[in-house]
Amino acid sequence: MIQILGETLPYAITIAISPVPIIATILMLMSPRPKPLGLGFLLGWVVGICVATGVFTLLAGVIPEPGETTGPQPIAGTLQLLFGVALLFMALKQWRSRPAPGVEPELPKWMAAIDTMKPPAAIGLGFLLAAVNPKNLLVAAAAGMAFGRADLGTEQVVGAVAIFTVIAALSVLLPVLLYLVAPAKAAVVLDNVRTWLTANNATIMMVVLLVLGTQLLGKGLGSF
């Protein structure tokens, strides 16, 4: 299980460092209802990651391959190639959408409604950003394929998916924990983090998607 966790660690980190959900978490923690919104968003985020990864793990486990586990796997390889190309396309899109020097980056318009958001909406938003967002869905699919094709027992796969989910959720979990432990200190720290992430959102995701997309292309080519 350690080997498959090491293989999928870049996928978990890619989900974890996504600037948009981190910024959304911080805005919720700075809203009039920080605890219910922050905890609700965290719940939806964790469930979304777990569901998306789990679904693709199950699907990958039933993909038929003509060869043995250690031999050529053209179907899995083709899917990895498609995921890699899609992530490279997203990296290009992030690069082209980066703001010009001195221009304030634009955030999603739904963030303006966070102050009036209710906990159920925060849960739903966390789930959608984790499980339906195209970038996260592709990364979760790649991780799920790795889990589903691994030569592991059911309990080990479940444990690996659970650990993967925790790692991927750390960037939302840690701000919430910081606020619960030290709300006054958290307000200053999180606001600085939000400002930096807002300014560097496109660059961060461009680099991460480029690296991960290239990695998936290499794995896909090696599967034939």
C-alpha atoms as a PDB file:
ATOM      1  CA  MET A   1       0.000   0.000   0.000  1.00  0.00           C
ATOM      2  CA  ILE A   2       2.928   2.330   0.679  1.00  0.00           C
ATOM      3  CA  GLN A   3       3.989   2.057  -2.949  1.00  0.00           C
ATOM      4  CA  ILE A   4       0.587   3.041  -4.338  1.00  0.00           C
ATOM      5  CA  LEU A   5       0.326   5.915  -1.846  1.00  0.00           C
ATOM      6  CA  GLY A   6       3.700   7.177  -3.026  1.00  0.00           C
ATOM      7  CA  GLU A   7       2.552   6.900  -6.634  1.00  0.00           C
ATOM      8  CA  THR A   8      -0.638   8.856  -5.995  1.00  0.00           C
ATOM      9  CA  LEU A   9       0.859  11.449  -3.630  1.00  0.00           C
ATOM     10  CA  PRO A  10       1.332  14.010  -6.471  1.00  0.00           C
ATOM     11  CA  TYR A  11      -2.369  13.667  -7.271  1.00  0.00           C
ATOM     12  CA  ALA A  12      -3.352  14.326  -3.645  1.00  0.00           C
ATOM     13  CA  ILE A  13      -1.022  17.336  -3.485  1.00  0.00           C
ATOM     14  CA  THR A  14      -2.488  18.697  -6.728  1.00  0.00           C
ATOM     15  CA  ILE A  15      -5.978  18.649  -5.226  1.00  0.00           C
ATOM     16  CA  ALA A  16      -4.721  20.021  -1.915  1.00  0.00           C
ATOM     17  CA  ILE A  17      -2.981  23.100  -3.327  1.00  0.00           C
ATOM     18  CA  SER A  18      -5.874  24.208  -5.504  1.00  0.00           C
ATOM     19  CA  PRO A  19      -6.091  27.948  -4.671  1.00  0.00           C
ATOM     20  CA  VAL A  20      -9.843  28.416  -5.257  1.00  0.00           C
ATOM     21  CA  PRO A  21     -11.137  26.080  -2.488  1.00  0.00           C
ATOM     22  CA  ILE A  22      -8.487  27.412  -0.089  1.00  0.00           C
ATOM     23  CA  ILE A  23      -9.589  30.993  -0.806  1.00  0.00           C
ATOM     24  CA  ALA A  24     -13.238  29.955  -0.425  1.00  0.00           C
ATOM     25  CA  THR A  25     -12.447  28.362   2.945  1.00  0.00           C
ATOM     26  CA  ILE A  26     -10.683  31.502   4.148  1.00  0.00           C
ATOM     27  CA  LEU A  27     -13.555  33.732   3.039  1.00  0.00           C
ATOM     28  CA  MET A  28     -16.001  31.510   4.912  1.00  0.00           C
ATOM     29  CA  LEU A  29     -13.855  31.683   8.041  1.00  0.00           C
ATOM     30  CA  MET A  30     -13.891  35.484   7.750  1.00  0.00           C
ATOM     31  CA  SER A  31     -17.665  35.611   7.212  1.00  0.00           C
ATOM     32  CA  PRO A  32     -20.360  36.367   9.829  1.00  0.00           C
ATOM     33  CA  ARG A  33     -20.843  32.589  10.358  1.00  0.00           C
ATOM     34  CA  PRO A  34     -17.314  31.201  10.220  1.00  0.00           C
ATOM     35  CA  LYS A  35     -17.711  27.919  12.120  1.00  0.00           C
ATOM     36  CA  PRO A  36     -20.806  26.449  10.428  1.00  0.00           C
ATOM     37  CA  LEU A  37     -19.661  27.562   6.978  1.00  0.00           C
ATOM     38  CA  GLY A  38     -16.057  26.434   7.437  1.00  0.00           C
ATOM     39  CA  LEU A  39     -17.007  23.065   8.878  1.00  0.00           C
ATOM     40  CA  GLY A  40     -19.744  22.587   6.268  1.00  0.00           C
ATOM     41  CA  PHE A  41     -17.380  23.348   3.404  1.00  0.00           C
ATOM     42  CA  LEU A  42     -14.795  20.968   4.890  1.00  0.00           C
ATOM     43  CA  LEU A  43     -17.395  18.191   5.114  1.00  0.00           C
ATOM     44  CA  GLY A  44     -18.462  18.658   1.500  1.00  0.00           C
ATOM     45  CA  TRP A  45     -14.835  18.840   0.345  1.00  0.00           C
ATOM     46  CA  VAL A  46     -13.864  15.588   2.097  1.00  0.00           C
ATOM     47  CA  VAL A  47     -16.949  13.709   0.899  1.00  0.00           C
ATOM     48  CA  GLY A  48     -16.460  14.996  -2.658  1.00  0.00           C
ATOM     49  CA  ILE A  49     -12.838  13.844  -2.848  1.00  0.00           C
ATOM     50  CA  CYS A  50     -13.710  10.462  -1.350  1.00  0.00           C
ATOM     51  CA  VAL A  51     -16.676   9.893  -3.669  1.00  0.00           C
ATOM     52  CA  ALA A  52     -14.848  10.938  -6.851  1.00  0.00           C
ATOM     53  CA  THR A  53     -11.775   8.849  -6.052  1.00  0.00           C
ATOM     54  CA  GLY A  54     -13.845   5.897  -4.883  1.00  0.00           C
ATOM     55  CA  VAL A  55     -16.026   5.831  -7.992  1.00  0.00           C
ATOM     56  CA  PHE A  56     -13.032   5.788 -10.331  1.00  0.00           C
ATOM     57  CA  THR A  57     -11.323   3.190  -8.150  1.00  0.00           C
ATOM     58  CA  LEU A  58     -14.324   0.900  -8.614  1.00  0.00           C
ATOM     59  CA  LEU A  59     -14.470   1.571 -12.355  1.00  0.00           C
ATOM     60  CA  ALA A  60     -10.753   0.936 -12.797  1.00  0.00           C
ATOM     61  CA  GLY A  61     -11.055  -2.376 -11.000  1.00  0.00           C
ATOM     62  CA  VAL A  62     -13.409  -3.737 -13.665  1.00  0.00           C
ATOM     63  CA  ILE A  63     -11.537  -2.455 -16.741  1.00  0.00           C
ATOM     64  CA  PRO A  64     -10.652  -5.525 -18.827  1.00  0.00           C
ATOM     65  CA  GLU A  65      -7.037  -5.824 -19.970  1.00  0.00           C
ATOM     66  CA  PRO A  66      -5.659  -8.440 -22.358  1.00  0.00           C
ATOM     67  CA  GLY A  67      -2.428  -8.950 -20.414  1.00  0.00           C
ATOM     68  CA  GLU A  68      -1.320  -9.582 -16.864  1.00  0.00           C
ATOM     69  CA  THR A  69      -1.127  -6.822 -14.266  1.00  0.00           C
ATOM     70  CA  THR A  70       2.599  -6.391 -14.894  1.00  0.00           C
ATOM     71  CA  GLY A  71       2.286  -6.497 -18.706  1.00  0.00           C
ATOM     72  CA  PRO A  72       0.921  -4.029 -21.281  1.00  0.00           C
ATOM     73  CA  GLN A  73      -2.339  -2.354 -20.269  1.00  0.00           C
ATOM     74  CA  PRO A  74      -3.540  -0.494 -23.372  1.00  0.00           C
ATOM     75  CA  ILE A  75      -6.943   0.517 -22.004  1.00  0.00           C
ATOM     76  CA  ALA A  76      -5.544   2.007 -18.812  1.00  0.00           C
ATOM     77  CA  GLY A  77      -2.701   3.542 -20.816  1.00  0.00           C
ATOM     78  CA  THR A  78      -5.116   5.186 -23.220  1.00  0.00           C
ATOM     79  CA  LEU A  79      -7.099   6.681 -20.340  1.00  0.00           C
ATOM     80  CA  GLN A  80      -3.904   8.005 -18.757  1.00  0.00           C
ATOM     81  CA  LEU A  81      -2.926   9.597 -22.065  1.00  0.00           C
ATOM     82  CA  LEU A  82      -6.327  11.260 -22.306  1.00  0.00           C
ATOM     83  CA  PHE A  83      -6.111  12.519 -18.724  1.00  0.00           C
ATOM     84  CA  GLY A  84      -2.586  13.809 -19.369  1.00  0.00           C
ATOM     85  CA  VAL A  85      -3.598  15.693 -22.504  1.00  0.00           C
ATOM     86  CA  ALA A  86      -6.610  17.185 -20.713  1.00  0.00           C
ATOM     87  CA  LEU A  87      -4.449  18.396 -17.813  1.00  0.00           C
ATOM     88  CA  LEU A  88      -1.904  19.920 -20.221  1.00  0.00           C
ATOM     89  CA  PHE A  89      -4.746  21.727 -21.973  1.00  0.00           C
ATOM     90  CA  MET A  90      -5.913  23.064 -18.600  1.00  0.00           C
ATOM     91  CA  ALA A  91      -2.349  24.171 -17.833  1.00  0.00           C
ATOM     92  CA  LEU A  92      -2.284  26.126 -21.099  1.00  0.00           C
ATOM     93  CA  LYS A  93      -5.657  27.651 -20.292  1.00  0.00           C
ATOM     94  CA  GLN A  94      -4.404  28.717 -16.844  1.00  0.00           C
ATOM     95  CA  TRP A  95      -1.327  30.309 -18.405  1.00  0.00           C
ATOM     96  CA  ARG A  96      -3.359  32.246 -20.951  1.00  0.00           C
ATOM     97  CA  SER A  97      -5.847  33.423 -18.295  1.00  0.00           C
ATOM     98  CA  ARG A  98      -3.190  34.827 -15.951  1.00  0.00           C
ATOM     99  CA  PRO A  99      -3.695  38.532 -15.223  1.00  0.00           C
ATOM    100  CA  ALA A 100      -1.390  41.149 -16.722  1.00  0.00           C
ATOM    101  CA  PRO A 101       1.197  42.716 -14.368  1.00  0.00           C
ATOM    102  CA  GLY A 102      -0.476  45.189 -12.039  1.00  0.00           C
ATOM    103  CA  VAL A 103      -3.986  43.932 -12.815  1.00  0.00           C
ATOM    104  CA  GLU A 104      -6.099  42.606  -9.933  1.00  0.00           C
ATOM    105  CA  PRO A 105      -6.979  38.933 -10.574  1.00  0.00           C
ATOM    106  CA  GLU A 106     -10.679  38.151 -10.898  1.00  0.00           C
ATOM    107  CA  LEU A 107     -12.183  35.620  -8.513  1.00  0.00           C
ATOM    108  CA  PRO A 108     -15.288  33.512  -9.242  1.00  0.00           C
ATOM    109  CA  LYS A 109     -18.431  35.608  -8.842  1.00  0.00           C
ATOM    110  CA  TRP A 110     -20.018  33.089  -6.468  1.00  0.00           C
ATOM    111  CA  MET A 111     -17.439  34.054  -3.838  1.00  0.00           C
ATOM    112  CA  ALA A 112     -19.260  37.370  -3.403  1.00  0.00           C
ATOM    113  CA  ALA A 113     -22.237  35.429  -1.992  1.00  0.00           C
ATOM    114  CA  ILE A 114     -20.256  33.647   0.730  1.00  0.00           C
ATOM    115  CA  ASP A 115     -21.220  36.184   3.429  1.00  0.00           C
ATOM    116  CA  THR A 116     -24.907  35.311   2.932  1.00  0.00           C
ATOM    117  CA  MET A 117     -24.368  31.592   2.382  1.00  0.00           C
ATOM    118  CA  LYS A 118     -25.969  29.002   4.660  1.00  0.00           C
ATOM    119  CA  PRO A 119     -24.270  25.794   5.897  1.00  0.00           C
ATOM    120  CA  PRO A 120     -26.092  23.418   3.483  1.00  0.00           C
ATOM    121  CA  ALA A 121     -24.933  25.577   0.578  1.00  0.00           C
ATOM    122  CA  ALA A 122     -21.376  25.476   1.936  1.00  0.00           C
ATOM    123  CA  ILE A 123     -21.531  21.669   2.074  1.00  0.00           C
ATOM    124  CA  GLY A 124     -22.837  21.513  -1.495  1.00  0.00           C
ATOM    125  CA  LEU A 125     -20.205  23.956  -2.714  1.00  0.00           C
ATOM    126  CA  GLY A 126     -17.410  21.945  -1.101  1.00  0.00           C
ATOM    127  CA  PHE A 127     -18.706  18.765  -2.725  1.00  0.00           C
ATOM    128  CA  LEU A 128     -19.022  20.365  -6.169  1.00  0.00           C
ATOM    129  CA  LEU A 129     -15.543  21.874  -6.077  1.00  0.00           C
ATOM    130  CA  ALA A 130     -14.060  18.531  -5.010  1.00  0.00           C
ATOM    131  CA  ALA A 131     -16.021  16.067  -7.133  1.00  0.00           C
ATOM    132  CA  VAL A 132     -17.376  17.987 -10.130  1.00  0.00           C
ATOM    133  CA  ASN A 133     -14.696  20.599 -10.825  1.00  0.00           C
ATOM    134  CA  PRO A 134     -13.033  19.362 -14.072  1.00  0.00           C
ATOM    135  CA  LYS A 135      -9.454  19.632 -12.794  1.00  0.00           C
ATOM    136  CA  ASN A 136     -10.135  17.812  -9.532  1.00  0.00           C
ATOM    137  CA  LEU A 137     -12.276  15.234 -11.308  1.00  0.00           C
ATOM    138  CA  LEU A 138      -9.454  14.387 -13.721  1.00  0.00           C
ATOM    139  CA  VAL A 139      -6.922  14.143 -10.898  1.00  0.00           C
ATOM    140  CA  ALA A 140      -9.262  12.001  -8.788  1.00  0.00           C
ATOM    141  CA  ALA A 141      -9.853   9.799 -11.835  1.00  0.00           C
ATOM    142  CA  ALA A 142      -6.114   9.328 -12.313  1.00  0.00           C
ATOM    143  CA  ALA A 143      -5.689   8.448  -8.631  1.00  0.00           C
ATOM    144  CA  GLY A 144      -8.699   6.124  -8.718  1.00  0.00           C
ATOM    145  CA  MET A 145      -7.263   4.297 -11.716  1.00  0.00           C
ATOM    146  CA  ALA A 146      -4.012   3.763  -9.840  1.00  0.00           C
ATOM    147  CA  PHE A 147      -5.865   2.395  -6.810  1.00  0.00           C
ATOM    148  CA  GLY A 148      -8.181   0.225  -8.872  1.00  0.00           C
ATOM    149  CA  ARG A 149      -5.358  -1.314 -10.932  1.00  0.00           C
ATOM    150  CA  ALA A 150      -3.105  -1.921  -7.920  1.00  0.00           C
ATOM    151  CA  ASP A 151      -2.611  -5.476  -6.716  1.00  0.00           C
ATOM    152  CA  LEU A 152      -4.172  -4.853  -3.303  1.00  0.00           C
ATOM    153  CA  GLY A 153      -6.914  -6.365  -1.196  1.00  0.00           C
ATOM    154  CA  THR A 154     -10.196  -4.555  -0.603  1.00  0.00           C
ATOM    155  CA  GLU A 155      -9.243  -3.350   2.891  1.00  0.00           C
ATOM    156  CA  GLN A 156      -5.917  -1.980   1.637  1.00  0.00           C
ATOM    157  CA  VAL A 157      -7.607  -0.139  -1.227  1.00  0.00           C
ATOM    158  CA  VAL A 158     -10.159   1.388   1.153  1.00  0.00           C
ATOM    159  CA  GLY A 159      -7.361   2.435   3.492  1.00  0.00           C
ATOM    160  CA  ALA A 160      -5.341   3.915   0.627  1.00  0.00           C
ATOM    161  CA  VAL A 161      -8.327   5.930  -0.625  1.00  0.00           C
ATOM    162  CA  ALA A 162      -8.989   7.179   2.926  1.00  0.00           C
ATOM    163  CA  ILE A 163      -5.377   8.306   3.395  1.00  0.00           C
ATOM    164  CA  PHE A 164      -5.401   9.909  -0.059  1.00  0.00           C
ATOM    165  CA  THR A 165      -8.573  11.813   0.862  1.00  0.00           C
ATOM    166  CA  VAL A 166      -7.071  13.107   4.110  1.00  0.00           C
ATOM    167  CA  ILE A 167      -3.921  14.350   2.352  1.00  0.00           C
ATOM    168  CA  ALA A 168      -5.932  15.989  -0.439  1.00  0.00           C
ATOM    169  CA  ALA A 169      -8.183  17.689   2.138  1.00  0.00           C
ATOM    170  CA  LEU A 170      -5.361  19.089   4.312  1.00  0.00           C
ATOM    171  CA  SER A 171      -5.376  22.536   2.709  1.00  0.00           C
ATOM    172  CA  VAL A 172      -9.006  23.018   3.738  1.00  0.00           C
ATOM    173  CA  LEU A 173      -8.718  21.144   7.035  1.00  0.00           C
ATOM    174  CA  LEU A 174      -5.737  23.119   8.372  1.00  0.00           C
ATOM    175  CA  PRO A 175      -7.285  26.622   8.026  1.00  0.00           C
ATOM    176  CA  VAL A 176     -10.453  25.391   9.748  1.00  0.00           C
ATOM    177  CA  LEU A 177      -8.440  23.862  12.593  1.00  0.00           C
ATOM    178  CA  LEU A 178      -6.340  27.021  12.912  1.00  0.00           C
ATOM    179  CA  TYR A 179      -9.489  29.119  13.201  1.00  0.00           C
ATOM    180  CA  LEU A 180     -11.021  26.803  15.801  1.00  0.00           C
ATOM    181  CA  VAL A 181      -7.842  26.840  17.918  1.00  0.00           C
ATOM    182  CA  ALA A 182      -6.810  30.499  17.561  1.00  0.00           C
ATOM    183  CA  PRO A 183      -9.421  32.601  15.739  1.00  0.00           C
ATOM    184  CA  ALA A 184      -7.734  35.963  16.338  1.00  0.00           C
ATOM    185  CA  LYS A 185      -4.358  34.818  15.016  1.00  0.00           C
ATOM    186  CA  ALA A 186      -5.997  32.901  12.186  1.00  0.00           C
ATOM    187  CA  ALA A 187      -7.678  36.036  10.836  1.00  0.00           C
ATOM    188  CA  VAL A 188      -4.339  37.726  10.136  1.00  0.00           C
ATOM    189  CA  VAL A 189      -2.532  34.648   8.825  1.00  0.00           C
ATOM    190  CA  LEU A 190      -5.374  33.481   6.595  1.00  0.00           C
ATOM    191  CA  ASP A 191      -5.955  36.927   5.114  1.00  0.00           C
ATOM    192  CA  ASN A 192      -2.290  37.094   4.066  1.00  0.00           C
ATOM    193  CA  VAL A 193      -2.539  33.618   2.554  1.00  0.00           C
ATOM    194  CA  ARG A 194      -5.694  34.583   0.684  1.00  0.00           C
ATOM    195  CA  THR A 195      -4.038  37.677  -0.798  1.00  0.00           C
ATOM    196  CA  TRP A 196      -1.020  35.696  -1.997  1.00  0.00           C
ATOM    197  CA  LEU A 197      -3.099  32.860  -3.466  1.00  0.00           C
ATOM    198  CA  THR A 198      -5.381  35.308  -5.277  1.00  0.00           C
ATOM    199  CA  ALA A 199      -2.392  36.968  -6.925  1.00  0.00           C
ATOM    200  CA  ASN A 200      -0.692  33.687  -7.889  1.00  0.00           C
ATOM    201  CA  ASN A 201      -3.651  31.405  -8.599  1.00  0.00           C
ATOM    202  CA  ALA A 202      -3.074  30.976 -12.353  1.00  0.00           C
ATOM    203  CA  THR A 203       0.686  30.463 -12.062  1.00  0.00           C
ATOM    204  CA  ILE A 204       0.394  27.866  -9.301  1.00  0.00           C
ATOM    205  CA  MET A 205      -2.146  25.772 -11.147  1.00  0.00           C
ATOM    206  CA  MET A 206      -0.340  26.113 -14.488  1.00  0.00           C
ATOM    207  CA  VAL A 207       2.861  24.645 -13.036  1.00  0.00           C
ATOM    208  CA  VAL A 208       1.096  21.858 -11.134  1.00  0.00           C
ATOM    209  CA  LEU A 209      -1.086  20.817 -14.065  1.00  0.00           C
ATOM    210  CA  LEU A 210       1.875  20.900 -16.444  1.00  0.00           C
ATOM    211  CA  VAL A 211       3.933  18.599 -14.213  1.00  0.00           C
ATOM    212  CA  LEU A 212       1.073  16.194 -13.510  1.00  0.00           C
ATOM    213  CA  GLY A 213      -0.108  16.117 -17.129  1.00  0.00           C
ATOM    214  CA  THR A 214       3.407  15.295 -18.329  1.00  0.00           C
ATOM    215  CA  GLN A 215       3.681  12.559 -15.711  1.00  0.00           C
ATOM    216  CA  LEU A 216       0.412  10.964 -16.848  1.00  0.00           C
ATOM    217  CA  LEU A 217       1.499  11.102 -20.479  1.00  0.00           C
ATOM    218  CA  GLY A 218       4.684   9.243 -19.551  1.00  0.00           C
ATOM    219  CA  LYS A 219       2.765   6.608 -17.607  1.00  0.00           C
ATOM    220  CA  GLY A 220       0.263   6.208 -20.406  1.00  0.00           C
ATOM    221  CA  LEU A 221       2.968   5.685 -23.030  1.00  0.00           C
ATOM    222  CA  GLY A 222       4.688   3.176 -20.748  1.00  0.00           C
ATOM    223  CA  SER A 223       1.512   1.097 -20.495  1.00  0.00           C
ATOM    224  CA  PHE A 224       1.610  -0.040 -24.131  1.00  0.00           C
END
